[in-house]
PDB file of N, CA and C in Angstrom:
ATOM      1  N   UNK A   1       2.611  -2.355  15.745  1.00  0.00           N
ATOM      2  CA  UNK A   1       2.449  -2.947  14.391  1.00  0.00           C
ATOM      3  C   UNK A   1       3.453  -3.683  13.554  1.00  0.00           C
ATOM      4  N   UNK A   2       3.357  -4.690  13.730  1.00  0.00           N
ATOM      5  CA  UNK A   2       4.154  -6.070  13.295  1.00  0.00           C
ATOM      6  C   UNK A   2       4.068  -6.403  11.914  1.00  0.00           C
ATOM      7  N   UNK A   3       5.713  -6.490  10.993  1.00  0.00           N
ATOM      8  CA  UNK A   3       5.131  -6.233   9.689  1.00  0.00           C
ATOM      9  C   UNK A   3       5.240  -7.717   8.894  1.00  0.00           C
ATOM     10  N   UNK A   4       4.947  -7.629   8.123  1.00  0.00           N
ATOM     11  CA  UNK A   4       5.026  -9.335   7.450  1.00  0.00           C
ATOM     12  C   UNK A   4       6.698  -9.472   7.228  1.00  0.00           C
ATOM     13  N   UNK A   5       7.109 -10.762   7.066  1.00  0.00           N
ATOM     14  CA  UNK A   5       8.168 -10.958   6.487  1.00  0.00           C
ATOM     15  C   UNK A   5       8.158 -10.938   5.097  1.00  0.00           C
ATOM     16  N   UNK A   6       9.085 -10.844   4.314  1.00  0.00           N
ATOM     17  CA  UNK A   6       9.188 -10.591   3.171  1.00  0.00           C
ATOM     18  C   UNK A   6      10.341 -11.760   2.555  1.00  0.00           C
ATOM     19  N   UNK A   7       9.824 -12.352   1.385  1.00  0.00           N
ATOM     20  CA  UNK A   7      10.193 -13.387   0.801  1.00  0.00           C
ATOM     21  C   UNK A   7      10.419 -13.174  -0.585  1.00  0.00           C
ATOM     22  N   UNK A   8      11.831 -13.560  -0.881  1.00  0.00           N
ATOM     23  CA  UNK A   8      12.453 -12.866  -1.906  1.00  0.00           C
ATOM     24  C   UNK A   8      12.951 -14.605  -3.006  1.00  0.00           C
ATOM     25  N   UNK A   9      12.435 -14.710  -3.909  1.00  0.00           N
ATOM     26  CA  UNK A   9      12.342 -16.345  -4.685  1.00  0.00           C
ATOM     27  C   UNK A   9      13.299 -15.587  -5.782  1.00  0.00           C
ATOM     28  N   UNK A  10      14.096 -16.344  -6.083  1.00  0.00           N
ATOM     29  CA  UNK A  10      15.695 -15.299  -7.128  1.00  0.00           C
ATOM     30  C   UNK A  10      15.574 -16.999  -7.786  1.00  0.00           C
ATOM     31  N   UNK A  11      14.925 -17.110  -9.467  1.00  0.00           N
ATOM     32  CA  UNK A  11      15.399 -17.756 -10.386  1.00  0.00           C
ATOM     33  C   UNK A  11      16.080 -17.496 -11.638  1.00  0.00           C
ATOM     34  N   UNK A  12      16.945 -18.598 -10.976  1.00  0.00           N
ATOM     35  CA  UNK A  12      17.757 -18.268 -12.366  1.00  0.00           C
ATOM     36  C   UNK A  12      18.232 -19.624 -13.301  1.00  0.00           C
ATOM     37  N   UNK A  13      17.289 -20.843 -13.263  1.00  0.00           N
ATOM     38  CA  UNK A  13      17.536 -21.914 -13.954  1.00  0.00           C
ATOM     39  C   UNK A  13      16.713 -21.989 -15.167  1.00  0.00           C
ATOM     40  N   UNK A  14      17.557 -22.359 -15.962  1.00  0.00           N
ATOM     41  CA  UNK A  14      16.236 -22.188 -17.153  1.00  0.00           C
ATOM     42  C   UNK A  14      15.246 -23.310 -17.599  1.00  0.00           C
ATOM     43  N   UNK A  15      13.801 -22.614 -17.600  1.00  0.00           N
ATOM     44  CA  UNK A  15      12.580 -23.581 -17.224  1.00  0.00           C
ATOM     45  C   UNK A  15      12.487 -24.248 -18.434  1.00  0.00           C
ATOM     46  N   UNK A  16      13.429 -24.393 -19.626  1.00  0.00           N
ATOM     47  CA  UNK A  16      12.831 -25.443 -20.755  1.00  0.00           C
ATOM     48  C   UNK A  16      14.317 -26.227 -20.528  1.00  0.00           C
ATOM     49  N   UNK A  17      14.867 -26.877 -19.509  1.00  0.00           N
ATOM     50  CA  UNK A  17      15.602 -27.875 -18.959  1.00  0.00           C
ATOM     51  C   UNK A  17      15.625 -27.976 -17.785  1.00  0.00           C
ATOM     52  N   UNK A  18      15.088 -27.568 -17.023  1.00  0.00           N
ATOM     53  CA  UNK A  18      14.871 -27.472 -15.172  1.00  0.00           C
ATOM     54  C   UNK A  18      13.291 -27.589 -15.003  1.00  0.00           C
ATOM     55  N   UNK A  19      12.909 -27.940 -13.855  1.00  0.00           N
ATOM     56  CA  UNK A  19      11.741 -28.152 -13.458  1.00  0.00           C
ATOM     57  C   UNK A  19      11.415 -26.983 -12.349  1.00  0.00           C
ATOM     58  N   UNK A  20      12.935 -26.545 -11.902  1.00  0.00           N
ATOM     59  CA  UNK A  20      12.765 -25.816 -10.486  1.00  0.00           C
ATOM     60  C   UNK A  20      12.180 -24.370 -10.937  1.00  0.00           C
ATOM     61  N   UNK A  21      12.169 -23.791 -12.004  1.00  0.00           N
ATOM     62  CA  UNK A  21      11.614 -22.512 -12.350  1.00  0.00           C
ATOM     63  C   UNK A  21       9.852 -22.365 -11.993  1.00  0.00           C
ATOM     64  N   UNK A  22       9.552 -23.909 -12.558  1.00  0.00           N
ATOM     65  CA  UNK A  22       8.279 -23.604 -12.264  1.00  0.00           C
ATOM     66  C   UNK A  22       7.915 -23.997 -10.970  1.00  0.00           C
ATOM     67  N   UNK A  23       8.286 -24.912 -10.180  1.00  0.00           N
ATOM     68  CA  UNK A  23       8.167 -25.292  -8.986  1.00  0.00           C
ATOM     69  C   UNK A  23       8.539 -23.500  -8.009  1.00  0.00           C
ATOM     70  N   UNK A  24       9.109 -23.314  -8.492  1.00  0.00           N
ATOM     71  CA  UNK A  24       9.515 -21.710  -7.324  1.00  0.00           C
ATOM     72  C   UNK A  24       8.250 -20.668  -7.533  1.00  0.00           C
ATOM     73  N   UNK A  25       7.716 -20.580  -8.787  1.00  0.00           N
ATOM     74  CA  UNK A  25       6.335 -20.334  -8.967  1.00  0.00           C
ATOM     75  C   UNK A  25       5.533 -20.830  -7.989  1.00  0.00           C
ATOM     76  N   UNK A  26       4.727 -22.298  -8.049  1.00  0.00           N
ATOM     77  CA  UNK A  26       4.293 -22.742  -6.950  1.00  0.00           C
ATOM     78  C   UNK A  26       4.271 -22.692  -5.872  1.00  0.00           C
ATOM     79  N   UNK A  27       5.742 -22.595  -5.251  1.00  0.00           N
ATOM     80  CA  UNK A  27       5.791 -22.842  -3.941  1.00  0.00           C
ATOM     81  C   UNK A  27       5.206 -21.035  -3.087  1.00  0.00           C
ATOM     82  N   UNK A  28       6.084 -20.121  -4.700  1.00  0.00           N
ATOM     83  CA  UNK A  28       5.986 -18.419  -4.467  1.00  0.00           C
ATOM     84  C   UNK A  28       4.117 -18.036  -4.038  1.00  0.00           C
ATOM     85  N   UNK A  29       3.275 -18.825  -4.833  1.00  0.00           N
ATOM     86  CA  UNK A  29       1.915 -18.858  -5.029  1.00  0.00           C
ATOM     87  C   UNK A  29       1.477 -19.571  -3.702  1.00  0.00           C
ATOM     88  N   UNK A  30       1.932 -20.669  -3.185  1.00  0.00           N
ATOM     89  CA  UNK A  30       1.445 -21.310  -2.400  1.00  0.00           C
ATOM     90  C   UNK A  30       1.954 -20.101  -0.634  1.00  0.00           C
ATOM     91  N   UNK A  31       3.050 -19.671  -0.743  1.00  0.00           N
ATOM     92  CA  UNK A  31       3.412 -18.718   0.342  1.00  0.00           C
ATOM     93  C   UNK A  31       2.743 -17.823   0.270  1.00  0.00           C
ATOM     94  N   UNK A  32       2.337 -17.149  -0.664  1.00  0.00           N
ATOM     95  CA  UNK A  32       1.521 -15.911  -1.215  1.00  0.00           C
ATOM     96  C   UNK A  32       0.025 -16.032  -0.431  1.00  0.00           C
ATOM     97  N   UNK A  33      -0.678 -17.024  -0.925  1.00  0.00           N
ATOM     98  CA  UNK A  33      -1.750 -17.302  -0.491  1.00  0.00           C
ATOM     99  C   UNK A  33      -2.040 -17.560   1.051  1.00  0.00           C
ATOM    100  N   UNK A  34      -1.544 -17.646   1.685  1.00  0.00           N
ATOM    101  CA  UNK A  34      -1.425 -17.597   2.937  1.00  0.00           C
ATOM    102  C   UNK A  34      -1.392 -16.810   3.330  1.00  0.00           C
ATOM    103  N   UNK A  35      -0.926 -15.500   3.488  1.00  0.00           N
ATOM    104  CA  UNK A  35      -1.011 -13.727   3.773  1.00  0.00           C
ATOM    105  C   UNK A  35      -0.167 -13.412   4.632  1.00  0.00           C
ATOM    106  N   UNK A  36       0.769 -14.680   4.916  1.00  0.00           N
ATOM    107  CA  UNK A  36       1.262 -13.882   6.712  1.00  0.00           C
ATOM    108  C   UNK A  36       2.719 -13.502   5.849  1.00  0.00           C
ATOM    109  N   UNK A  37       2.899 -13.504   4.447  1.00  0.00           N
ATOM    110  CA  UNK A  37       4.236 -13.032   3.984  1.00  0.00           C
ATOM    111  C   UNK A  37       3.755 -11.617   3.229  1.00  0.00           C
ATOM    112  N   UNK A  38       5.356 -11.631   2.939  1.00  0.00           N
ATOM    113  CA  UNK A  38       4.868 -10.704   1.294  1.00  0.00           C
ATOM    114  C   UNK A  38       5.703 -11.346   0.216  1.00  0.00           C
ATOM    115  N   UNK A  39       5.215 -11.891  -0.504  1.00  0.00           N
ATOM    116  CA  UNK A  39       6.194 -13.039  -1.237  1.00  0.00           C
ATOM    117  C   UNK A  39       6.669 -11.706  -3.304  1.00  0.00           C
ATOM    118  N   UNK A  40       8.129 -11.697  -3.537  1.00  0.00           N
ATOM    119  CA  UNK A  40       8.694 -11.294  -4.720  1.00  0.00           C
ATOM    120  C   UNK A  40       9.182 -12.894  -5.144  1.00  0.00           C
ATOM    121  N   UNK A  41       8.948 -12.422  -6.844  1.00  0.00           N
ATOM    122  CA  UNK A  41       9.502 -13.448  -7.155  1.00  0.00           C
ATOM    123  C   UNK A  41      10.499 -12.982  -8.902  1.00  0.00           C
ATOM    124  N   UNK A  42      11.966 -12.859  -8.987  1.00  0.00           N
ATOM    125  CA  UNK A  42      12.602 -12.574 -10.194  1.00  0.00           C
ATOM    126  C   UNK A  42      13.135 -13.448 -10.926  1.00  0.00           C
ATOM    127  N   UNK A  43      13.139 -13.556 -12.040  1.00  0.00           N
ATOM    128  CA  UNK A  43      13.540 -14.406 -12.768  1.00  0.00           C
ATOM    129  C   UNK A  43      14.894 -13.203 -13.502  1.00  0.00           C
ATOM    130  N   UNK A  44      15.782 -14.618 -13.771  1.00  0.00           N
ATOM    131  CA  UNK A  44      17.304 -13.868 -13.309  1.00  0.00           C
ATOM    132  C   UNK A  44      17.826 -14.791 -14.959  1.00  0.00           C
ATOM    133  N   UNK A  45      18.690 -14.205 -16.004  1.00  0.00           N
ATOM    134  CA  UNK A  45      19.205 -14.927 -17.336  1.00  0.00           C
ATOM    135  C   UNK A  45      18.608 -15.675 -17.865  1.00  0.00           C
ATOM    136  N   UNK A  46      18.630 -17.233 -18.150  1.00  0.00           N
ATOM    137  CA  UNK A  46      18.158 -17.961 -18.669  1.00  0.00           C
ATOM    138  C   UNK A  46      16.562 -17.956 -17.893  1.00  0.00           C
ATOM    139  N   UNK A  47      16.421 -18.185 -17.124  1.00  0.00           N
ATOM    140  CA  UNK A  47      14.519 -17.914 -16.059  1.00  0.00           C
ATOM    141  C   UNK A  47      13.807 -17.017 -16.839  1.00  0.00           C
ATOM    142  N   UNK A  48      13.918 -15.685 -17.452  1.00  0.00           N
ATOM    143  CA  UNK A  48      13.474 -15.377 -18.064  1.00  0.00           C
ATOM    144  C   UNK A  48      12.579 -15.637 -19.398  1.00  0.00           C
ATOM    145  N   UNK A  49      12.610 -16.709 -19.670  1.00  0.00           N
ATOM    146  CA  UNK A  49      12.460 -17.141 -21.178  1.00  0.00           C
ATOM    147  C   UNK A  49      10.808 -17.943 -20.438  1.00  0.00           C
ATOM    148  N   UNK A  50      10.799 -18.061 -19.288  1.00  0.00           N
ATOM    149  CA  UNK A  50       9.457 -18.262 -18.494  1.00  0.00           C
ATOM    150  C   UNK A  50       8.555 -17.132 -18.195  1.00  0.00           C
ATOM    151  N   UNK A  51       8.980 -15.874 -18.972  1.00  0.00           N
ATOM    152  CA  UNK A  51       7.805 -14.280 -18.864  1.00  0.00           C
ATOM    153  C   UNK A  51       7.592 -14.028 -20.411  1.00  0.00           C
ATOM    154  N   UNK A  52       8.814 -15.008 -20.584  1.00  0.00           N
ATOM    155  CA  UNK A  52       8.624 -14.520 -22.461  1.00  0.00           C
ATOM    156  C   UNK A  52       8.445 -15.248 -23.658  1.00  0.00           C
ATOM    157  N   UNK A  53       8.176 -16.597 -23.460  1.00  0.00           N
ATOM    158  CA  UNK A  53       7.680 -17.757 -23.953  1.00  0.00           C
ATOM    159  C   UNK A  53       6.934 -18.660 -23.923  1.00  0.00           C
ATOM    160  N   UNK A  54       6.238 -18.782 -24.800  1.00  0.00           N
ATOM    161  CA  UNK A  54       5.159 -20.252 -24.775  1.00  0.00           C
ATOM    162  C   UNK A  54       5.521 -21.198 -23.375  1.00  0.00           C
ATOM    163  N   UNK A  55       4.330 -21.842 -22.595  1.00  0.00           N
ATOM    164  CA  UNK A  55       4.899 -22.117 -21.435  1.00  0.00           C
ATOM    165  C   UNK A  55       4.860 -23.808 -22.115  1.00  0.00           C
ATOM    166  N   UNK A  56       3.734 -23.687 -23.141  1.00  0.00           N
ATOM    167  CA  UNK A  56       4.337 -24.996 -23.239  1.00  0.00           C
ATOM    168  C   UNK A  56       5.825 -25.722 -23.983  1.00  0.00           C
ATOM    169  N   UNK A  57       6.583 -24.613 -24.022  1.00  0.00           N
ATOM    170  CA  UNK A  57       7.711 -24.945 -24.330  1.00  0.00           C
ATOM    171  C   UNK A  57       9.004 -25.214 -23.047  1.00  0.00           C
ATOM    172  N   UNK A  58       7.612 -24.990 -22.066  1.00  0.00           N
ATOM    173  CA  UNK A  58       8.736 -24.979 -20.567  1.00  0.00           C
ATOM    174  C   UNK A  58       8.195 -26.151 -19.425  1.00  0.00           C
ATOM    175  N   UNK A  59       9.164 -26.889 -18.987  1.00  0.00           N
ATOM    176  CA  UNK A  59       8.803 -27.786 -18.069  1.00  0.00           C
ATOM    177  C   UNK A  59       8.088 -27.450 -17.137  1.00  0.00           C
ATOM    178  N   UNK A  60       6.934 -28.174 -16.847  1.00  0.00           N
ATOM    179  CA  UNK A  60       5.734 -27.864 -16.067  1.00  0.00           C
ATOM    180  C   UNK A  60       5.260 -26.116 -16.637  1.00  0.00           C
ATOM    181  N   UNK A  61       5.253 -26.461 -17.869  1.00  0.00           N
ATOM    182  CA  UNK A  61       5.421 -24.727 -18.086  1.00  0.00           C
ATOM    183  C   UNK A  61       3.631 -24.033 -17.103  1.00  0.00           C
ATOM    184  N   UNK A  62       2.494 -24.857 -17.722  1.00  0.00           N
ATOM    185  CA  UNK A  62       1.347 -24.705 -16.621  1.00  0.00           C
ATOM    186  C   UNK A  62       1.287 -24.012 -15.067  1.00  0.00           C
ATOM    187  N   UNK A  63       2.302 -24.165 -14.450  1.00  0.00           N
ATOM    188  CA  UNK A  63       2.619 -23.458 -13.385  1.00  0.00           C
ATOM    189  C   UNK A  63       2.465 -22.551 -13.490  1.00  0.00           C
ATOM    190  N   UNK A  64       3.172 -21.763 -14.619  1.00  0.00           N
ATOM    191  CA  UNK A  64       3.764 -20.112 -14.605  1.00  0.00           C
ATOM    192  C   UNK A  64       2.391 -19.439 -14.981  1.00  0.00           C
ATOM    193  N   UNK A  65       1.240 -20.183 -16.021  1.00  0.00           N
ATOM    194  CA  UNK A  65       0.008 -19.432 -15.732  1.00  0.00           C
ATOM    195  C   UNK A  65      -1.000 -19.845 -15.260  1.00  0.00           C
ATOM    196  N   UNK A  66      -0.441 -20.727 -14.325  1.00  0.00           N
ATOM    197  CA  UNK A  66      -1.731 -21.190 -13.267  1.00  0.00           C
ATOM    198  C   UNK A  66      -1.027 -20.301 -11.908  1.00  0.00           C
ATOM    199  N   UNK A  67      -0.056 -19.970 -11.629  1.00  0.00           N
ATOM    200  CA  UNK A  67       0.506 -19.370  -9.851  1.00  0.00           C
ATOM    201  C   UNK A  67       1.315 -18.020 -10.148  1.00  0.00           C
ATOM    202  N   UNK A  68       1.464 -17.520 -11.052  1.00  0.00           N
ATOM    203  CA  UNK A  68       1.612 -16.613 -10.741  1.00  0.00           C
ATOM    204  C   UNK A  68       0.981 -15.343 -10.845  1.00  0.00           C
ATOM    205  N   UNK A  69      -0.154 -14.858 -11.509  1.00  0.00           N
ATOM    206  CA  UNK A  69      -1.212 -14.344 -11.198  1.00  0.00           C
ATOM    207  C   UNK A  69      -1.640 -13.975  -9.897  1.00  0.00           C
ATOM    208  N   UNK A  70      -1.485 -15.340  -9.165  1.00  0.00           N
ATOM    209  CA  UNK A  70      -1.740 -15.238  -7.630  1.00  0.00           C
ATOM    210  C   UNK A  70      -0.676 -14.761  -6.862  1.00  0.00           C
ATOM    211  N   UNK A  71       0.250 -14.725  -7.529  1.00  0.00           N
ATOM    212  CA  UNK A  71       1.727 -13.475  -6.355  1.00  0.00           C
ATOM    213  C   UNK A  71       0.786 -12.411  -6.881  1.00  0.00           C
ATOM    214  N   UNK A  72       0.948 -11.598  -7.741  1.00  0.00           N
ATOM    215  CA  UNK A  72       0.824 -10.404  -8.408  1.00  0.00           C
ATOM    216  C   UNK A  72      -0.539  -9.841  -7.527  1.00  0.00           C
ATOM    217  N   UNK A  73      -1.847 -10.733  -7.097  1.00  0.00           N
ATOM    218  CA  UNK A  73      -2.901 -10.525  -6.725  1.00  0.00           C
ATOM    219  C   UNK A  73      -2.785 -10.110  -5.336  1.00  0.00           C
ATOM    220  N   UNK A  74      -2.167 -10.837  -4.494  1.00  0.00           N
ATOM    221  CA  UNK A  74      -1.729 -10.577  -3.053  1.00  0.00           C
ATOM    222  C   UNK A  74      -0.901  -9.715  -2.867  1.00  0.00           C
ATOM    223  N   UNK A  75      -0.237  -8.782  -3.997  1.00  0.00           N
ATOM    224  CA  UNK A  75       0.595  -7.320  -3.220  1.00  0.00           C
ATOM    225  C   UNK A  75       1.811  -7.604  -3.924  1.00  0.00           C
ATOM    226  N   UNK A  76       2.431  -9.201  -4.415  1.00  0.00           N
ATOM    227  CA  UNK A  76       3.473  -9.356  -4.802  1.00  0.00           C
ATOM    228  C   UNK A  76       4.421  -9.128  -5.376  1.00  0.00           C
ATOM    229  N   UNK A  77       5.468  -8.888  -5.906  1.00  0.00           N
ATOM    230  CA  UNK A  77       6.334  -8.734  -7.368  1.00  0.00           C
ATOM    231  C   UNK A  77       6.744  -9.501  -8.337  1.00  0.00           C
ATOM    232  N   UNK A  78       6.602  -9.125  -9.201  1.00  0.00           N
ATOM    233  CA  UNK A  78       6.934 -10.276 -10.333  1.00  0.00           C
ATOM    234  C   UNK A  78       7.512  -9.763 -11.114  1.00  0.00           C
ATOM    235  N   UNK A  79       9.191  -9.732 -10.958  1.00  0.00           N
ATOM    236  CA  UNK A  79      10.204  -8.948 -11.805  1.00  0.00           C
ATOM    237  C   UNK A  79      11.210 -10.118 -13.027  1.00  0.00           C
ATOM    238  N   UNK A  80      11.443  -9.406 -13.718  1.00  0.00           N
ATOM    239  CA  UNK A  80      12.420  -9.892 -14.521  1.00  0.00           C
ATOM    240  C   UNK A  80      14.003  -9.225 -14.252  1.00  0.00           C
ATOM    241  N   UNK A  81      14.934  -9.653 -14.384  1.00  0.00           N
ATOM    242  CA  UNK A  81      16.570  -8.890 -14.086  1.00  0.00           C
ATOM    243  C   UNK A  81      16.512  -8.878 -15.484  1.00  0.00           C
ATOM    244  N   UNK A  82      16.993  -7.751 -16.051  1.00  0.00           N
ATOM    245  CA  UNK A  82      17.288  -6.721 -16.915  1.00  0.00           C
ATOM    246  C   UNK A  82      18.869  -6.757 -17.655  1.00  0.00           C
ATOM    247  N   UNK A  83      19.351  -7.325 -18.525  1.00  0.00           N
ATOM    248  CA  UNK A  83      20.650  -6.705 -18.755  1.00  0.00           C
ATOM    249  C   UNK A  83      21.482  -4.806 -18.523  1.00  0.00           C
ATOM    250  N   UNK A  84      19.899  -4.628 -19.229  1.00  0.00           N
ATOM    251  CA  UNK A  84      20.552  -3.111 -19.820  1.00  0.00           C
ATOM    252  C   UNK A  84      20.143  -2.629 -18.345  1.00  0.00           C
ATOM    253  N   UNK A  85      20.307  -0.800 -18.371  1.00  0.00           N
ATOM    254  CA  UNK A  85      19.755  -0.108 -16.782  1.00  0.00           C
ATOM    255  C   UNK A  85      18.690   0.493 -16.396  1.00  0.00           C
ATOM    256  N   UNK A  86      17.909   0.054 -17.304  1.00  0.00           N
ATOM    257  CA  UNK A  86      16.252   0.752 -17.571  1.00  0.00           C
ATOM    258  C   UNK A  86      15.359   0.005 -16.644  1.00  0.00           C
ATOM    259  N   UNK A  87      14.082   0.486 -16.433  1.00  0.00           N
ATOM    260  CA  UNK A  87      13.343  -0.367 -16.241  1.00  0.00           C
ATOM    261  C   UNK A  87      11.763  -0.269 -16.350  1.00  0.00           C
ATOM    262  N   UNK A  88      11.068  -1.219 -16.330  1.00  0.00           N
ATOM    263  CA  UNK A  88       9.852  -1.145 -17.146  1.00  0.00           C
ATOM    264  C   UNK A  88       8.729  -2.180 -16.512  1.00  0.00           C
ATOM    265  N   UNK A  89       7.533  -1.871 -16.934  1.00  0.00           N
ATOM    266  CA  UNK A  89       7.108  -3.312 -16.697  1.00  0.00           C
ATOM    267  C   UNK A  89       5.827  -3.597 -18.010  1.00  0.00           C
ATOM    268  N   UNK A  90       6.148  -5.207 -18.346  1.00  0.00           N
ATOM    269  CA  UNK A  90       5.836  -5.980 -19.285  1.00  0.00           C
ATOM    270  C   UNK A  90       4.615  -6.617 -19.131  1.00  0.00           C
ATOM    271  N   UNK A  91       3.769  -7.152 -20.061  1.00  0.00           N
ATOM    272  CA  UNK A  91       2.754  -8.006 -19.742  1.00  0.00           C
ATOM    273  C   UNK A  91       2.853  -9.156 -20.748  1.00  0.00           C
ATOM    274  N   UNK A  92       3.430 -10.181 -20.112  1.00  0.00           N
ATOM    275  CA  UNK A  92       3.207 -11.774 -20.793  1.00  0.00           C
ATOM    276  C   UNK A  92       1.888 -12.504 -20.448  1.00  0.00           C
ATOM    277  N   UNK A  93       1.206 -12.554 -21.489  1.00  0.00           N
ATOM    278  CA  UNK A  93      -0.649 -13.462 -21.435  1.00  0.00           C
ATOM    279  C   UNK A  93      -1.088 -12.613 -20.346  1.00  0.00           C
ATOM    280  N   UNK A  94      -0.789 -11.484 -19.910  1.00  0.00           N
ATOM    281  CA  UNK A  94      -2.112 -10.877 -18.645  1.00  0.00           C
ATOM    282  C   UNK A  94      -1.241 -10.935 -17.243  1.00  0.00           C
ATOM    283  N   UNK A  95       0.189 -11.239 -17.803  1.00  0.00           N
ATOM    284  CA  UNK A  95       0.581 -11.551 -15.958  1.00  0.00           C
ATOM    285  C   UNK A  95       1.987 -10.796 -16.013  1.00  0.00           C
ATOM    286  N   UNK A  96       0.908  -9.632 -15.546  1.00  0.00           N
ATOM    287  CA  UNK A  96       2.087  -7.999 -15.643  1.00  0.00           C
ATOM    288  C   UNK A  96       3.609  -8.298 -14.274  1.00  0.00           C
ATOM    289  N   UNK A  97       4.700  -8.285 -15.184  1.00  0.00           N
ATOM    290  CA  UNK A  97       5.652  -8.287 -14.572  1.00  0.00           C
ATOM    291  C   UNK A  97       6.873  -7.375 -14.895  1.00  0.00           C
ATOM    292  N   UNK A  98       7.929  -6.501 -13.260  1.00  0.00           N
ATOM    293  CA  UNK A  98       8.615  -5.262 -13.926  1.00  0.00           C
ATOM    294  C   UNK A  98       9.785  -5.775 -13.956  1.00  0.00           C
ATOM    295  N   UNK A  99      10.446  -5.371 -15.091  1.00  0.00           N
ATOM    296  CA  UNK A  99      11.791  -4.988 -15.679  1.00  0.00           C
ATOM    297  C   UNK A  99      12.813  -4.604 -14.755  1.00  0.00           C
ATOM    298  N   UNK A 100      13.992  -4.896 -14.051  1.00  0.00           N
ATOM    299  CA  UNK A 100      14.378  -4.304 -12.715  1.00  0.00           C
ATOM    300  C   UNK A 100      15.333  -4.585 -13.407  1.00  0.00           C
ATOM    301  N   UNK A 101      16.799  -3.422 -12.500  1.00  0.00           N
ATOM    302  CA  UNK A 101      18.099  -3.445 -13.298  1.00  0.00           C
ATOM    303  C   UNK A 101      18.927  -3.971 -11.889  1.00  0.00           C
ATOM    304  N   UNK A 102      19.989  -4.481 -11.992  1.00  0.00           N
ATOM    305  CA  UNK A 102      20.806  -5.268 -10.532  1.00  0.00           C
ATOM    306  C   UNK A 102      20.462  -4.284  -8.863  1.00  0.00           C
ATOM    307  N   UNK A 103      20.742  -2.904  -9.618  1.00  0.00           N
ATOM    308  CA  UNK A 103      20.286  -1.836  -8.539  1.00  0.00           C
ATOM    309  C   UNK A 103      19.137  -2.679  -7.680  1.00  0.00           C
ATOM    310  N   UNK A 104      17.954  -2.569  -9.027  1.00  0.00           N
ATOM    311  CA  UNK A 104      16.431  -2.445  -7.992  1.00  0.00           C
ATOM    312  C   UNK A 104      16.584  -3.919  -7.392  1.00  0.00           C
ATOM    313  N   UNK A 105      17.799  -4.898  -7.764  1.00  0.00           N
ATOM    314  CA  UNK A 105      17.577  -6.364  -7.229  1.00  0.00           C
ATOM    315  C   UNK A 105      18.037  -6.532  -5.949  1.00  0.00           C
ATOM    316  N   UNK A 106      19.422  -5.430  -5.807  1.00  0.00           N
ATOM    317  CA  UNK A 106      19.791  -5.113  -4.318  1.00  0.00           C
ATOM    318  C   UNK A 106      18.744  -4.639  -3.415  1.00  0.00           C
ATOM    319  N   UNK A 107      18.489  -4.022  -3.944  1.00  0.00           N
ATOM    320  CA  UNK A 107      17.066  -3.299  -3.097  1.00  0.00           C
ATOM    321  C   UNK A 107      16.424  -4.454  -2.618  1.00  0.00           C
ATOM    322  N   UNK A 108      15.307  -5.237  -3.565  1.00  0.00           N
ATOM    323  CA  UNK A 108      14.746  -5.832  -3.567  1.00  0.00           C
ATOM    324  C   UNK A 108      14.943  -7.200  -2.534  1.00  0.00           C
ATOM    325  N   UNK A 109      16.226  -7.349  -2.940  1.00  0.00           N
ATOM    326  CA  UNK A 109      16.924  -8.566  -1.769  1.00  0.00           C
ATOM    327  C   UNK A 109      16.837  -7.791  -0.356  1.00  0.00           C
ATOM    328  N   UNK A 110      18.126  -6.545  -0.407  1.00  0.00           N
ATOM    329  CA  UNK A 110      18.009  -6.139   1.155  1.00  0.00           C
ATOM    330  C   UNK A 110      16.852  -6.172   1.997  1.00  0.00           C
ATOM    331  N   UNK A 111      15.906  -5.765   0.982  1.00  0.00           N
ATOM    332  CA  UNK A 111      14.144  -6.018   1.834  1.00  0.00           C
ATOM    333  C   UNK A 111      14.025  -7.352   2.532  1.00  0.00           C
ATOM    334  N   UNK A 112      14.003  -8.372   1.886  1.00  0.00           N
ATOM    335  CA  UNK A 112      13.653  -9.642   1.701  1.00  0.00           C
ATOM    336  C   UNK A 112      14.516 -10.014   3.567  1.00  0.00           C
ATOM    337  N   UNK A 113      13.225 -10.970   4.129  1.00  0.00           N
ATOM    338  CA  UNK A 113      13.750 -11.373   5.188  1.00  0.00           C
ATOM    339  C   UNK A 113      14.191 -13.188   5.135  1.00  0.00           C
ATOM    340  N   UNK A 114      13.699 -13.609   3.902  1.00  0.00           N
ATOM    341  CA  UNK A 114      13.891 -14.671   3.484  1.00  0.00           C
ATOM    342  C   UNK A 114      14.600 -14.745   1.986  1.00  0.00           C
ATOM    343  N   UNK A 115      15.436 -15.646   1.824  1.00  0.00           N
ATOM    344  CA  UNK A 115      15.682 -15.707   0.118  1.00  0.00           C
ATOM    345  C   UNK A 115      15.759 -16.856  -0.147  1.00  0.00           C
ATOM    346  N   UNK A 116      14.980 -17.311  -1.061  1.00  0.00           N
ATOM    347  CA  UNK A 116      15.184 -18.765  -1.699  1.00  0.00           C
ATOM    348  C   UNK A 116      15.686 -18.537  -2.862  1.00  0.00           C
ATOM    349  N   UNK A 117      16.544 -19.454  -3.643  1.00  0.00           N
ATOM    350  CA  UNK A 117      16.927 -19.358  -4.938  1.00  0.00           C
ATOM    351  C   UNK A 117      17.246 -20.702  -5.793  1.00  0.00           C
ATOM    352  N   UNK A 118      16.318 -20.449  -6.656  1.00  0.00           N
ATOM    353  CA  UNK A 118      15.913 -21.565  -7.874  1.00  0.00           C
ATOM    354  C   UNK A 118      16.368 -21.796  -9.226  1.00  0.00           C
TER     355      UNK A 118
END
């Protein structure tokens, strides 16, 4: 049995000043919908604002509410890199995401067959 490729979107651009995080969410959802790959998206640094602030404060912020749920529905991982060394699960407007530490991000990266950075 062949395993699906694992695609990791690593997003570190600020969604308040760049369209790149919203575009990453849109692309990740499109790949996840295809069903031929396991898709994960991790928001790091200023990009975590996409998970913690109102979408209207973001450039193309409607992409987050529209597309992130489909990643979770396809068994993908939505994560936020936290500075502290603990992990937890949080929700923003019904979108569940996992708070991960650097070690967990390293493990997620090692499992990925493709890495896209935004």
